[in-house]
C-alpha atoms as a PDB file:
ATOM      1  CA  MET A   1      16.567  35.992 -55.059  1.00  0.00           C
ATOM      2  CA  SER A   2      16.995  34.482 -51.617  1.00  0.00           C
ATOM      3  CA  SER A   3      14.473  32.005 -50.279  1.00  0.00           C
ATOM      4  CA  SER A   4      13.768  34.272 -47.297  1.00  0.00           C
ATOM      5  CA  SER A   5      12.370  36.984 -49.602  1.00  0.00           C
ATOM      6  CA  ILE A   6       9.827  34.656 -51.213  1.00  0.00           C
ATOM      7  CA  LYS A   7       6.335  35.273 -49.873  1.00  0.00           C
ATOM      8  CA  ILE A   8       3.830  32.455 -49.881  1.00  0.00           C
ATOM      9  CA  LYS A   9       0.360  33.476 -50.980  1.00  0.00           C
ATOM     10  CA  TYR A  10      -2.519  31.645 -49.300  1.00  0.00           C
ATOM     11  CA  CYS A  11      -5.982  31.405 -50.763  1.00  0.00           C
ATOM     12  CA  THR A  12      -9.054  32.258 -48.706  1.00  0.00           C
ATOM     13  CA  ALA A  13      -9.722  28.607 -47.814  1.00  0.00           C
ATOM     14  CA  ASP A  14      -6.144  28.179 -46.524  1.00  0.00           C
ATOM     15  CA  LYS A  15      -6.410  31.338 -44.412  1.00  0.00           C
ATOM     16  CA  VAL A  16      -9.673  30.146 -42.872  1.00  0.00           C
ATOM     17  CA  TYR A  17      -8.187  26.711 -42.206  1.00  0.00           C
ATOM     18  CA  TYR A  18      -5.020  28.031 -40.538  1.00  0.00           C
ATOM     19  CA  THR A  19      -6.996  30.556 -38.504  1.00  0.00           C
ATOM     20  CA  ILE A  20      -9.417  27.940 -37.163  1.00  0.00           C
ATOM     21  CA  SER A  21      -6.561  25.478 -36.540  1.00  0.00           C
ATOM     22  CA  GLY A  22      -4.587  28.115 -34.659  1.00  0.00           C
ATOM     23  CA  ILE A  23      -7.563  29.000 -32.468  1.00  0.00           C
ATOM     24  CA  LEU A  24      -8.345  25.355 -31.682  1.00  0.00           C
ATOM     25  CA  LEU A  25      -4.711  24.490 -30.908  1.00  0.00           C
ATOM     26  CA  THR A  26      -4.428  27.562 -28.681  1.00  0.00           C
ATOM     27  CA  LEU A  27      -7.517  26.475 -26.744  1.00  0.00           C
ATOM     28  CA  VAL A  28      -6.097  22.963 -26.373  1.00  0.00           C
ATOM     29  CA  LEU A  29      -2.788  24.403 -25.146  1.00  0.00           C
ATOM     30  CA  ILE A  30      -4.592  26.521 -22.553  1.00  0.00           C
ATOM     31  CA  ALA A  31      -6.708  23.559 -21.422  1.00  0.00           C
ATOM     32  CA  VAL A  32      -3.595  21.426 -20.943  1.00  0.00           C
ATOM     33  CA  ALA A  33      -1.166  24.006 -19.570  1.00  0.00           C
ATOM     34  CA  TYR A  34      -3.418  25.948 -17.212  1.00  0.00           C
ATOM     35  CA  PRO A  35      -4.048  23.105 -14.689  1.00  0.00           C
ATOM     36  CA  ILE A  36      -0.290  22.560 -14.411  1.00  0.00           C
ATOM     37  CA  ILE A  37       0.385  26.264 -13.918  1.00  0.00           C
ATOM     38  CA  PHE A  38      -2.420  26.518 -11.377  1.00  0.00           C
ATOM     39  CA  VAL A  39      -1.154  23.565  -9.323  1.00  0.00           C
ATOM     40  CA  VAL A  40       2.389  24.983  -9.216  1.00  0.00           C
ATOM     41  CA  SER A  41       1.127  28.469  -8.332  1.00  0.00           C
ATOM     42  CA  ALA A  42      -1.208  27.146  -5.626  1.00  0.00           C
ATOM     43  CA  SER A  43       1.604  25.138  -4.041  1.00  0.00           C
ATOM     44  CA  PHE A  44       3.570  28.393  -3.535  1.00  0.00           C
ATOM     45  CA  SER A  45       0.572  30.432  -2.335  1.00  0.00           C
ATOM     46  CA  SER A  46      -0.889  31.006   1.108  1.00  0.00           C
ATOM     47  CA  GLY A  47      -3.617  28.677   2.311  1.00  0.00           C
ATOM     48  CA  SER A  48      -6.164  31.459   2.635  1.00  0.00           C
ATOM     49  CA  ALA A  49      -5.580  32.582  -0.955  1.00  0.00           C
ATOM     50  CA  VAL A  50      -6.050  29.041  -2.269  1.00  0.00           C
ATOM     51  CA  SER A  51      -9.196  28.424  -0.216  1.00  0.00           C
ATOM     52  CA  SER A  52     -10.774  31.736  -1.244  1.00  0.00           C
ATOM     53  CA  GLY A  53     -10.058  31.163  -4.947  1.00  0.00           C
ATOM     54  CA  LYS A  54      -7.712  34.104  -5.369  1.00  0.00           C
ATOM     55  CA  VAL A  55      -5.054  32.004  -7.101  1.00  0.00           C
ATOM     56  CA  LEU A  56      -5.638  32.033 -10.849  1.00  0.00           C
ATOM     57  CA  LEU A  57      -2.266  32.171 -12.607  1.00  0.00           C
ATOM     58  CA  TRP A  58       0.437  33.489 -10.290  1.00  0.00           C
ATOM     59  CA  PRO A  59       1.148  32.665  -6.616  1.00  0.00           C
ATOM     60  CA  VAL A  60      -0.718  34.842  -4.112  1.00  0.00           C
ATOM     61  CA  GLY A  61       0.854  35.365  -0.703  1.00  0.00           C
ATOM     62  CA  PHE A  62       4.054  33.514  -1.630  1.00  0.00           C
ATOM     63  CA  ASN A  63       5.191  30.985   0.997  1.00  0.00           C
ATOM     64  CA  LEU A  64       6.682  27.515   1.271  1.00  0.00           C
ATOM     65  CA  ASP A  65       4.495  26.100   4.060  1.00  0.00           C
ATOM     66  CA  GLY A  66       3.327  23.155   1.958  1.00  0.00           C
ATOM     67  CA  TYR A  67       6.854  22.096   1.028  1.00  0.00           C
ATOM     68  CA  LYS A  68       8.081  22.617   4.573  1.00  0.00           C
ATOM     69  CA  ALA A  69       5.359  20.282   5.844  1.00  0.00           C
ATOM     70  CA  ILE A  70       6.386  17.639   3.315  1.00  0.00           C
ATOM     71  CA  PHE A  71      10.155  17.766   3.762  1.00  0.00           C
ATOM     72  CA  ARG A  72       9.827  18.046   7.520  1.00  0.00           C
ATOM     73  CA  LYS A  73       9.049  14.331   7.525  1.00  0.00           C
ATOM     74  CA  ASP A  74      12.191  12.289   8.105  1.00  0.00           C
ATOM     75  CA  ASP A  75      11.272   9.496   5.677  1.00  0.00           C
ATOM     76  CA  ILE A  76      10.811  11.702   2.630  1.00  0.00           C
ATOM     77  CA  TRP A  77      14.427  11.732   1.424  1.00  0.00           C
ATOM     78  CA  LEU A  78      14.873   8.004   1.981  1.00  0.00           C
ATOM     79  CA  SER A  79      11.652   7.299   0.098  1.00  0.00           C
ATOM     80  CA  TYR A  80      12.848   9.536  -2.737  1.00  0.00           C
ATOM     81  CA  LEU A  81      16.049   7.488  -2.964  1.00  0.00           C
ATOM     82  CA  ASN A  82      14.093   4.230  -2.859  1.00  0.00           C
ATOM     83  CA  THR A  83      11.806   5.359  -5.670  1.00  0.00           C
ATOM     84  CA  ILE A  84      14.777   6.403  -7.800  1.00  0.00           C
ATOM     85  CA  LYS A  85      16.329   2.966  -7.283  1.00  0.00           C
ATOM     86  CA  TYR A  86      13.081   1.152  -8.090  1.00  0.00           C
ATOM     87  CA  THR A  87      12.584   3.291 -11.192  1.00  0.00           C
ATOM     88  CA  LEU A  88      16.108   2.914 -12.578  1.00  0.00           C
ATOM     89  CA  VAL A  89      16.502  -0.804 -11.919  1.00  0.00           C
ATOM     90  CA  GLY A  90      12.894  -1.608 -12.815  1.00  0.00           C
ATOM     91  CA  THR A  91      13.068   0.301 -16.108  1.00  0.00           C
ATOM     92  CA  LEU A  92      16.316  -1.368 -17.163  1.00  0.00           C
ATOM     93  CA  PHE A  93      14.907  -4.759 -16.227  1.00  0.00           C
ATOM     94  CA  ASN A  94      11.690  -4.049 -18.143  1.00  0.00           C
ATOM     95  CA  LEU A  95      13.642  -3.088 -21.258  1.00  0.00           C
ATOM     96  CA  PHE A  96      15.822  -6.191 -21.033  1.00  0.00           C
ATOM     97  CA  VAL A  97      12.903  -8.595 -20.584  1.00  0.00           C
ATOM     98  CA  CYS A  98      10.717  -6.919 -23.222  1.00  0.00           C
ATOM     99  CA  MET A  99      13.485  -6.975 -25.816  1.00  0.00           C
ATOM    100  CA  CYS A 100      14.295 -10.608 -25.003  1.00  0.00           C
ATOM    101  CA  GLY A 101      10.683 -11.449 -25.789  1.00  0.00           C
ATOM    102  CA  ALA A 102      10.145  -9.003 -28.672  1.00  0.00           C
ATOM    103  CA  TYR A 103      13.109  -9.947 -30.835  1.00  0.00           C
ATOM    104  CA  PRO A 104      12.454 -13.727 -31.045  1.00  0.00           C
ATOM    105  CA  LEU A 105       8.751 -13.117 -31.700  1.00  0.00           C
ATOM    106  CA  SER A 106       9.662 -10.741 -34.522  1.00  0.00           C
ATOM    107  CA  ARG A 107      11.505 -13.514 -36.364  1.00  0.00           C
ATOM    108  CA  ARG A 108       9.195 -15.181 -38.888  1.00  0.00           C
ATOM    109  CA  GLU A 109      11.239 -18.386 -38.793  1.00  0.00           C
ATOM    110  CA  LEU A 110      10.483 -18.913 -35.091  1.00  0.00           C
ATOM    111  CA  LYS A 111       8.454 -22.116 -34.759  1.00  0.00           C
ATOM    112  CA  GLY A 112       5.306 -21.832 -32.658  1.00  0.00           C
ATOM    113  CA  ARG A 113       5.303 -18.043 -32.809  1.00  0.00           C
ATOM    114  CA  GLY A 114       1.496 -17.910 -33.055  1.00  0.00           C
ATOM    115  CA  PRO A 115       0.784 -20.050 -29.946  1.00  0.00           C
ATOM    116  CA  LEU A 116       3.441 -18.129 -28.003  1.00  0.00           C
ATOM    117  CA  MET A 117       1.827 -14.800 -28.870  1.00  0.00           C
ATOM    118  CA  PHE A 118      -1.523 -16.209 -27.781  1.00  0.00           C
ATOM    119  CA  LEU A 119      -0.081 -17.187 -24.396  1.00  0.00           C
ATOM    120  CA  PHE A 120       1.398 -13.733 -23.921  1.00  0.00           C
ATOM    121  CA  ALA A 121      -1.828 -12.005 -24.969  1.00  0.00           C
ATOM    122  CA  PHE A 122      -3.852 -14.300 -22.681  1.00  0.00           C
ATOM    123  CA  THR A 123      -2.070 -12.865 -19.640  1.00  0.00           C
ATOM    124  CA  MET A 124      -3.264  -9.366 -20.592  1.00  0.00           C
ATOM    125  CA  TYR A 125      -6.884 -10.341 -19.930  1.00  0.00           C
ATOM    126  CA  PHE A 126      -6.678 -13.052 -17.274  1.00  0.00           C
ATOM    127  CA  GLY A 127      -4.669 -13.224 -14.048  1.00  0.00           C
ATOM    128  CA  GLY A 128      -4.554 -15.167 -10.827  1.00  0.00           C
ATOM    129  CA  GLY A 129      -5.859 -12.355  -8.640  1.00  0.00           C
ATOM    130  CA  MET A 130      -4.517 -10.577  -5.589  1.00  0.00           C
ATOM    131  CA  ILE A 131      -4.467 -13.442  -3.063  1.00  0.00           C
ATOM    132  CA  PRO A 132      -2.882 -16.104  -5.340  1.00  0.00           C
ATOM    133  CA  THR A 133      -0.324 -13.532  -6.451  1.00  0.00           C
ATOM    134  CA  TYR A 134       0.502 -12.667  -2.848  1.00  0.00           C
ATOM    135  CA  LEU A 135       0.913 -16.369  -2.002  1.00  0.00           C
ATOM    136  CA  LEU A 136       3.228 -16.807  -4.973  1.00  0.00           C
ATOM    137  CA  ILE A 137       5.326 -13.786  -3.997  1.00  0.00           C
ATOM    138  CA  ASN A 138       5.497 -15.140  -0.454  1.00  0.00           C
ATOM    139  CA  GLN A 139       6.594 -18.590  -1.660  1.00  0.00           C
ATOM    140  CA  LEU A 140       9.333 -16.971  -3.710  1.00  0.00           C
ATOM    141  CA  ARG A 141      10.470 -15.172  -0.525  1.00  0.00           C
ATOM    142  CA  LEU A 142      10.251 -11.759  -2.139  1.00  0.00           C
ATOM    143  CA  ILE A 143       8.118 -10.169   0.588  1.00  0.00           C
ATOM    144  CA  ASN A 144       9.763  -7.088   2.075  1.00  0.00           C
ATOM    145  CA  THR A 145      12.688  -7.170  -0.373  1.00  0.00           C
ATOM    146  CA  PHE A 146      13.947  -4.786  -3.019  1.00  0.00           C
ATOM    147  CA  TRP A 147      13.095  -7.171  -5.863  1.00  0.00           C
ATOM    148  CA  VAL A 148       9.411  -7.367  -4.972  1.00  0.00           C
ATOM    149  CA  MET A 149       9.079  -3.894  -6.524  1.00  0.00           C
ATOM    150  CA  VAL A 150      10.868  -4.953  -9.712  1.00  0.00           C
ATOM    151  CA  LEU A 151      10.238  -8.596 -10.622  1.00  0.00           C
ATOM    152  CA  PRO A 152       6.405  -8.971 -10.474  1.00  0.00           C
ATOM    153  CA  GLY A 153       5.881  -6.452 -13.272  1.00  0.00           C
ATOM    154  CA  ALA A 154       9.069  -7.165 -15.187  1.00  0.00           C
ATOM    155  CA  LEU A 155       7.277  -7.986 -18.446  1.00  0.00           C
ATOM    156  CA  SER A 156       4.655  -5.707 -19.945  1.00  0.00           C
ATOM    157  CA  VAL A 157       3.029  -7.626 -22.784  1.00  0.00           C
ATOM    158  CA  TYR A 158       1.747  -4.402 -24.347  1.00  0.00           C
ATOM    159  CA  ASN A 159       5.243  -2.893 -24.444  1.00  0.00           C
ATOM    160  CA  MET A 160       6.654  -6.141 -25.804  1.00  0.00           C
ATOM    161  CA  ILE A 161       4.100  -6.154 -28.642  1.00  0.00           C
ATOM    162  CA  VAL A 162       4.987  -2.549 -29.491  1.00  0.00           C
ATOM    163  CA  MET A 163       8.672  -3.493 -29.595  1.00  0.00           C
ATOM    164  CA  ARG A 164       8.023  -6.585 -31.690  1.00  0.00           C
ATOM    165  CA  THR A 165       5.920  -4.665 -34.214  1.00  0.00           C
ATOM    166  CA  PHE A 166       8.538  -1.919 -34.431  1.00  0.00           C
ATOM    167  CA  ILE A 167      11.293  -4.440 -35.198  1.00  0.00           C
ATOM    168  CA  GLN A 168       9.162  -6.197 -37.816  1.00  0.00           C
ATOM    169  CA  SER A 169       8.225  -2.920 -39.517  1.00  0.00           C
ATOM    170  CA  ASN A 170      11.567  -1.109 -39.519  1.00  0.00           C
ATOM    171  CA  ILE A 171      14.311  -3.715 -39.663  1.00  0.00           C
ATOM    172  CA  PRO A 172      14.121  -5.684 -42.935  1.00  0.00           C
ATOM    173  CA  ASN A 173      14.766  -9.399 -42.943  1.00  0.00           C
ATOM    174  CA  GLU A 174      17.292  -8.904 -45.746  1.00  0.00           C
ATOM    175  CA  LEU A 175      19.512  -7.086 -43.251  1.00  0.00           C
ATOM    176  CA  TYR A 176      19.708 -10.189 -41.077  1.00  0.00           C
ATOM    177  CA  GLU A 177      20.323 -12.417 -44.103  1.00  0.00           C
ATOM    178  CA  ALA A 178      23.232 -10.223 -45.170  1.00  0.00           C
ATOM    179  CA  SER A 179      24.616 -10.220 -41.635  1.00  0.00           C
ATOM    180  CA  SER A 180      24.265 -13.990 -41.227  1.00  0.00           C
ATOM    181  CA  MET A 181      26.299 -14.502 -44.400  1.00  0.00           C
ATOM    182  CA  ASP A 182      29.149 -12.736 -42.610  1.00  0.00           C
ATOM    183  CA  GLY A 183      28.785 -15.088 -39.638  1.00  0.00           C
ATOM    184  CA  CYS A 184      26.601 -12.826 -37.502  1.00  0.00           C
ATOM    185  CA  SER A 185      24.580 -14.695 -34.853  1.00  0.00           C
ATOM    186  CA  HIS A 186      21.174 -13.650 -33.568  1.00  0.00           C
ATOM    187  CA  ILE A 187      22.692 -12.209 -30.387  1.00  0.00           C
ATOM    188  CA  THR A 188      25.270 -10.205 -32.346  1.00  0.00           C
ATOM    189  CA  PHE A 189      22.578  -9.015 -34.756  1.00  0.00           C
ATOM    190  CA  LEU A 190      20.391  -7.954 -31.825  1.00  0.00           C
ATOM    191  CA  VAL A 191      23.132  -6.082 -29.997  1.00  0.00           C
ATOM    192  CA  ARG A 192      24.905  -4.428 -32.930  1.00  0.00           C
ATOM    193  CA  ILE A 193      22.064  -3.765 -35.367  1.00  0.00           C
ATOM    194  CA  VAL A 194      18.599  -4.090 -33.808  1.00  0.00           C
ATOM    195  CA  LEU A 195      19.242  -2.114 -30.626  1.00  0.00           C
ATOM    196  CA  PRO A 196      20.909   0.911 -32.317  1.00  0.00           C
ATOM    197  CA  LEU A 197      18.066   1.056 -34.866  1.00  0.00           C
ATOM    198  CA  SER A 198      15.386   0.768 -32.164  1.00  0.00           C
ATOM    199  CA  LYS A 199      16.254   3.838 -30.093  1.00  0.00           C
ATOM    200  CA  ALA A 200      12.829   5.391 -30.708  1.00  0.00           C
ATOM    201  CA  VAL A 201      10.761   2.491 -29.385  1.00  0.00           C
ATOM    202  CA  ILE A 202      13.238   1.838 -26.560  1.00  0.00           C
ATOM    203  CA  ALA A 203      12.849   5.454 -25.409  1.00  0.00           C
ATOM    204  CA  VAL A 204       9.048   5.132 -25.471  1.00  0.00           C
ATOM    205  CA  VAL A 205       9.007   1.863 -23.522  1.00  0.00           C
ATOM    206  CA  ALA A 206      11.556   3.268 -21.066  1.00  0.00           C
ATOM    207  CA  LEU A 207       9.315   6.284 -20.446  1.00  0.00           C
ATOM    208  CA  PHE A 208       6.227   4.096 -19.951  1.00  0.00           C
ATOM    209  CA  SER A 209       8.107   1.842 -17.534  1.00  0.00           C
ATOM    210  CA  ALA A 210       9.713   4.708 -15.620  1.00  0.00           C
ATOM    211  CA  VAL A 211       6.363   6.461 -15.083  1.00  0.00           C
ATOM    212  CA  GLY A 212       4.811   3.190 -13.920  1.00  0.00           C
ATOM    213  CA  HIS A 213       7.580   2.505 -11.401  1.00  0.00           C
ATOM    214  CA  TRP A 214       7.629   6.099 -10.174  1.00  0.00           C
ATOM    215  CA  ASN A 215       3.891   6.137  -9.476  1.00  0.00           C
ATOM    216  CA  THR A 216       3.562   2.640  -8.051  1.00  0.00           C
ATOM    217  CA  TYR A 217       2.245   2.353  -4.525  1.00  0.00           C
ATOM    218  CA  PHE A 218      -0.155  -0.612  -4.441  1.00  0.00           C
ATOM    219  CA  ASN A 219       2.577  -3.257  -4.583  1.00  0.00           C
ATOM    220  CA  ALA A 220       4.381  -1.445  -1.771  1.00  0.00           C
ATOM    221  CA  MET A 221       1.222  -1.503   0.346  1.00  0.00           C
ATOM    222  CA  LEU A 222       0.866  -5.264  -0.212  1.00  0.00           C
ATOM    223  CA  TYR A 223       4.416  -6.532  -0.058  1.00  0.00           C
ATOM    224  CA  LEU A 224       6.493  -4.074   2.010  1.00  0.00           C
ATOM    225  CA  ASN A 225       6.504  -3.745   5.795  1.00  0.00           C
ATOM    226  CA  ASP A 226       9.919  -2.172   6.318  1.00  0.00           C
ATOM    227  CA  ARG A 227       9.640   1.626   6.272  1.00  0.00           C
ATOM    228  CA  THR A 228      13.225   1.934   5.046  1.00  0.00           C
ATOM    229  CA  ARG A 229      12.118   0.351   1.757  1.00  0.00           C
ATOM    230  CA  MET A 230       8.939   2.385   1.230  1.00  0.00           C
ATOM    231  CA  PRO A 231       8.656   4.345  -2.058  1.00  0.00           C
ATOM    232  CA  LEU A 232       7.844   8.026  -2.319  1.00  0.00           C
ATOM    233  CA  GLN A 233       4.146   7.592  -3.104  1.00  0.00           C
ATOM    234  CA  ILE A 234       3.449   5.746   0.163  1.00  0.00           C
ATOM    235  CA  ILE A 235       5.098   8.464   2.254  1.00  0.00           C
ATOM    236  CA  LEU A 236       3.240  11.208   0.383  1.00  0.00           C
ATOM    237  CA  ARG A 237      -0.011   9.339   0.953  1.00  0.00           C
ATOM    238  CA  GLU A 238       0.700   9.168   4.688  1.00  0.00           C
ATOM    239  CA  ILE A 239       1.415  12.909   4.810  1.00  0.00           C
ATOM    240  CA  LEU A 240      -1.856  13.643   3.044  1.00  0.00           C
ATOM    241  CA  ILE A 241      -3.860  11.368   5.348  1.00  0.00           C
ATOM    242  CA  MET A 242      -2.292  12.864   8.479  1.00  0.00           C
ATOM    243  CA  ASN A 243      -3.345  16.357   7.368  1.00  0.00           C
ATOM    244  CA  GLN A 244      -6.912  15.373   6.495  1.00  0.00           C
ATOM    245  CA  ILE A 245      -8.504  16.495   9.746  1.00  0.00           C
ATOM    246  CA  ASP A 246     -12.252  16.764  10.236  1.00  0.00           C
ATOM    247  CA  VAL A 247     -12.537  20.489  10.912  1.00  0.00           C
ATOM    248  CA  THR A 248     -16.105  20.079  12.190  1.00  0.00           C
ATOM    249  CA  SER A 249     -14.748  18.319  15.264  1.00  0.00           C
ATOM    250  CA  ILE A 250     -12.589  21.339  16.221  1.00  0.00           C
ATOM    251  CA  SER A 251     -14.288  23.883  18.472  1.00  0.00           C
ATOM    252  CA  ASP A 252     -11.896  26.744  17.725  1.00  0.00           C
ATOM    253  CA  PRO A 253     -13.038  28.235  14.366  1.00  0.00           C
ATOM    254  CA  GLU A 254      -9.727  30.008  13.698  1.00  0.00           C
ATOM    255  CA  LEU A 255      -7.792  26.774  14.178  1.00  0.00           C
ATOM    256  CA  ALA A 256     -10.217  24.904  11.944  1.00  0.00           C
ATOM    257  CA  VAL A 257      -9.787  27.453   9.141  1.00  0.00           C
ATOM    258  CA  MET A 258      -5.987  27.367   9.483  1.00  0.00           C
ATOM    259  CA  LEU A 259      -5.882  23.559   9.282  1.00  0.00           C
ATOM    260  CA  ALA A 260      -8.214  23.537   6.277  1.00  0.00           C
ATOM    261  CA  ASN A 261      -6.052  26.101   4.481  1.00  0.00           C
ATOM    262  CA  THR A 262      -2.889  24.110   5.224  1.00  0.00           C
ATOM    263  CA  ALA A 263      -4.490  20.937   3.862  1.00  0.00           C
ATOM    264  CA  ASP A 264      -5.410  22.708   0.598  1.00  0.00           C
ATOM    265  CA  VAL A 265      -1.858  23.948   0.000  1.00  0.00           C
ATOM    266  CA  LEU A 266      -0.418  20.597   1.011  1.00  0.00           C
ATOM    267  CA  LYS A 267      -2.402  18.760  -1.669  1.00  0.00           C
ATOM    268  CA  TYR A 268      -0.918  20.898  -4.425  1.00  0.00           C
ATOM    269  CA  SER A 269       2.588  20.661  -2.979  1.00  0.00           C
ATOM    270  CA  LEU A 270       2.309  16.865  -2.936  1.00  0.00           C
ATOM    271  CA  ILE A 271       1.322  16.866  -6.609  1.00  0.00           C
ATOM    272  CA  VAL A 272       4.349  18.985  -7.532  1.00  0.00           C
ATOM    273  CA  VAL A 273       6.785  16.874  -5.505  1.00  0.00           C
ATOM    274  CA  ALA A 274       5.467  13.660  -7.062  1.00  0.00           C
ATOM    275  CA  THR A 275       5.357  14.799 -10.705  1.00  0.00           C
ATOM    276  CA  VAL A 276       8.245  17.223 -11.257  1.00  0.00           C
ATOM    277  CA  PRO A 277      10.967  14.523 -11.685  1.00  0.00           C
ATOM    278  CA  ILE A 278       8.975  12.773 -14.415  1.00  0.00           C
ATOM    279  CA  LEU A 279       8.163  16.087 -16.092  1.00  0.00           C
ATOM    280  CA  CYS A 280      11.899  16.836 -16.191  1.00  0.00           C
ATOM    281  CA  ILE A 281      12.642  13.506 -17.884  1.00  0.00           C
ATOM    282  CA  TYR A 282       9.880  13.633 -20.497  1.00  0.00           C
ATOM    283  CA  PRO A 283      11.371  16.388 -22.741  1.00  0.00           C
ATOM    284  CA  PHE A 284      14.443  14.231 -23.385  1.00  0.00           C
ATOM    285  CA  ALA A 285      12.278  11.337 -24.637  1.00  0.00           C
ATOM    286  CA  GLN A 286       9.602  13.429 -26.327  1.00  0.00           C
ATOM    287  CA  LYS A 287      11.306  13.477 -29.742  1.00  0.00           C
ATOM    288  CA  TYR A 288      11.186   9.668 -29.833  1.00  0.00           C
ATOM    289  CA  PHE A 289       7.704   9.375 -28.347  1.00  0.00           C
ATOM    290  CA  ALA A 290       5.446   9.904 -31.359  1.00  0.00           C
ATOM    291  CA  LYS A 291       7.792   8.123 -33.754  1.00  0.00           C
ATOM    292  CA  GLY A 292       8.197   5.052 -31.574  1.00  0.00           C
ATOM    293  CA  VAL A 293       4.500   4.574 -30.804  1.00  0.00           C
ATOM    294  CA  MET A 294       3.084   5.416 -34.230  1.00  0.00           C
ATOM    295  CA  ILE A 295       5.563   3.395 -36.264  1.00  0.00           C
ATOM    296  CA  GLY A 296       5.274   0.488 -33.878  1.00  0.00           C
ATOM    297  CA  SER A 297       1.478   0.434 -33.939  1.00  0.00           C
ATOM    298  CA  ILE A 298       0.372   1.336 -37.466  1.00  0.00           C
ATOM    299  CA  LYS A 299       2.536  -0.940 -39.560  1.00  0.00           C
ATOM    300  CA  GLY A 300       2.791  -4.721 -39.421  1.00  0.00           C
END
């Protein structure tokens, strides 16, 4: 008898459990998916349909006015390229620095490991503040440079702790002892053994870092003056501010309604433009996401 012909019999309690679980998970799915669907649909709808609440699931009065208003701005493509550069370089730099800190701290034979972890954890709760940080960045001559968007946040202590805990929990010390007997150094052990076995946590930290770099705008507001170096979020913010017009100051009611409708569509279009690239990347890292975070946080 083939396994496909075997029917599993559930008791009444199991049927009730699976029914309730299915209903609850369906409600959660709707609560999570509907806002995304609505934002995408509203960005492709007419301004009047969005303002009047006619958009529920599908676009109403399909048009691309919101996207035309965004991509009509000359700086948008350059800012997109800048953000991609900041995200790629910043993420690689974050991974390099975090792993350089996580691996030594995962070694139990490291002297002073406790005080070092205290110093790292101390920085998570206490900092110099905005003005001292700006003065430091200025002294380092990083103002208005590419590296000002990469170096200040190069080390995330939280991500480093996750990496360290993952290495401690999943890579046994006996593996290093066996490798060292064959003449394997710490660097060789890190590159050839630790990194291939840490793909899950590396993918998680890479996703965290990439999202952070993609969405960053405050550092750009503080440290960048050259418009050719501005990231995407700053340009999108400027577009949104320029279209936020006080309609009460406009005497023509038809013009006021048109501008208000355009502003509504523009807000949703900005959300789509800013989030779609990250949403496209997430599915490729999703299979590592739960494994990397849970294993790195529960054990050890």
